[in-house]
């Protein structure tokens, strides 16, 4: 499970493993912030170095627009960066 917040990611993994139907699931937390292209590159490299292949990639992050314009480290508008550019680079 790729999440930008470690505590929330680890909590989600624990909830999956607490389910009797998924208690044997091979689920781990990995850090990924789609709002930071360097984080996406680092995550991708970790996947390449650790696994032979990726069977499924579910891109499920999404931000809604805000009245205040915010940008990512790389200068992209935050909603565009997370919802589109981060997913595109990851894929």
Protein backbone atom coordinates (compact mmCIF):
# COMPACT_ATOMS: atom_id res chain seq x y z
CA UNK A 1 0.00 0.00 0.00
CA UNK A 2 1.57 3.23 -1.12
CA UNK A 3 0.62 6.20 1.07
CA UNK A 4 2.19 9.56 1.80
CA UNK A 5 1.37 9.40 5.51
CA UNK A 6 3.22 6.57 7.24
CA UNK A 7 0.91 6.31 10.25
CA UNK A 8 -2.25 6.22 8.12
CA UNK A 9 -0.63 3.73 5.72
CA UNK A 10 0.43 1.39 8.51
CA UNK A 11 -3.03 1.68 10.08
CA UNK A 12 -4.62 0.70 6.74
CA UNK A 13 -2.31 -2.32 6.43
CA UNK A 14 -3.24 -3.38 9.98
CA UNK A 15 -6.96 -3.11 9.17
CA UNK A 16 -6.52 -5.32 6.09
CA UNK A 17 -4.58 -7.92 8.08
CA UNK A 18 -7.15 -7.82 10.91
CA UNK A 19 -9.83 -9.02 8.51
CA UNK A 20 -10.09 -12.82 8.92
CA UNK A 21 -10.53 -13.24 5.17
CA UNK A 22 -7.31 -11.32 4.47
CA UNK A 23 -5.19 -12.17 7.52
CA UNK A 24 -2.65 -13.99 5.35
CA UNK A 25 -2.50 -11.19 2.77
CA UNK A 26 0.96 -10.04 1.77
CA UNK A 27 0.35 -6.34 2.33
CA UNK A 28 3.02 -3.81 3.26
CA UNK A 29 3.24 -0.03 3.56
CA UNK A 30 5.52 1.94 1.24
CA UNK A 31 5.93 5.70 1.22
CA UNK A 32 4.67 7.56 -1.86
CA UNK A 33 3.72 11.23 -2.14
CA UNK A 34 2.14 11.83 -5.55
CA UNK A 35 2.52 15.56 -4.90
CA UNK A 36 6.32 15.26 -5.10
CA UNK A 37 7.81 13.93 -8.33
CA UNK A 38 11.04 12.98 -6.52
CA UNK A 39 8.99 10.80 -4.16
CA UNK A 40 7.35 9.13 -7.18
CA UNK A 41 10.76 8.44 -8.75
CA UNK A 42 12.15 7.09 -5.47
CA UNK A 43 9.11 4.84 -4.96
CA UNK A 44 9.35 3.57 -8.54
CA UNK A 45 13.04 2.75 -8.12
CA UNK A 46 12.30 0.88 -4.89
CA UNK A 47 9.64 -1.17 -6.70
CA UNK A 48 12.06 -1.95 -9.55
CA UNK A 49 14.79 -2.98 -7.10
CA UNK A 50 12.49 -5.12 -4.94
CA UNK A 51 10.05 -6.86 -7.28
CA UNK A 52 10.26 -8.66 -10.63
CA UNK A 53 6.99 -7.21 -11.88
CA UNK A 54 3.86 -5.31 -10.94
CA UNK A 55 0.67 -7.26 -11.58
CA UNK A 56 -1.81 -4.51 -10.70
CA UNK A 57 -1.48 -0.77 -10.37
CA UNK A 58 -4.52 0.95 -8.90
CA UNK A 59 -4.19 4.74 -9.04
CA UNK A 60 -6.71 5.97 -6.51
CA UNK A 61 -5.43 9.29 -5.16
CA UNK A 62 -7.44 12.39 -5.78
CA UNK A 63 -7.58 15.97 -4.65
CA UNK A 64 -10.33 18.46 -5.26
CA UNK A 65 -9.61 22.00 -6.27
CA UNK A 66 -9.24 24.67 -3.64
CA UNK A 67 -9.96 28.38 -3.67
CA UNK A 68 -6.32 28.91 -2.74
CA UNK A 69 -3.73 27.98 -5.37
CA UNK A 70 -1.11 25.64 -3.97
CA UNK A 71 1.86 24.17 -5.78
CA UNK A 72 4.11 21.15 -5.46
CA UNK A 73 7.86 21.28 -4.86
CA UNK A 74 8.35 21.19 -8.61
CA UNK A 75 5.98 24.13 -9.15
CA UNK A 76 2.97 22.32 -10.61
CA UNK A 77 -0.48 23.24 -9.33
CA UNK A 78 -1.19 20.70 -6.58
CA UNK A 79 -4.46 19.21 -7.89
CA UNK A 80 -3.02 18.69 -11.37
CA UNK A 81 0.19 17.28 -9.93
CA UNK A 82 -1.41 14.72 -7.61
CA UNK A 83 -4.40 13.71 -9.74
CA UNK A 84 -2.65 13.53 -13.10
CA UNK A 85 1.10 14.14 -13.29
CA UNK A 86 2.01 11.97 -10.29
CA UNK A 87 -0.06 9.06 -11.62
CA UNK A 88 1.34 9.52 -15.13
CA UNK A 89 4.95 9.48 -13.91
CA UNK A 90 4.27 6.48 -11.67
CA UNK A 91 2.66 4.50 -14.48
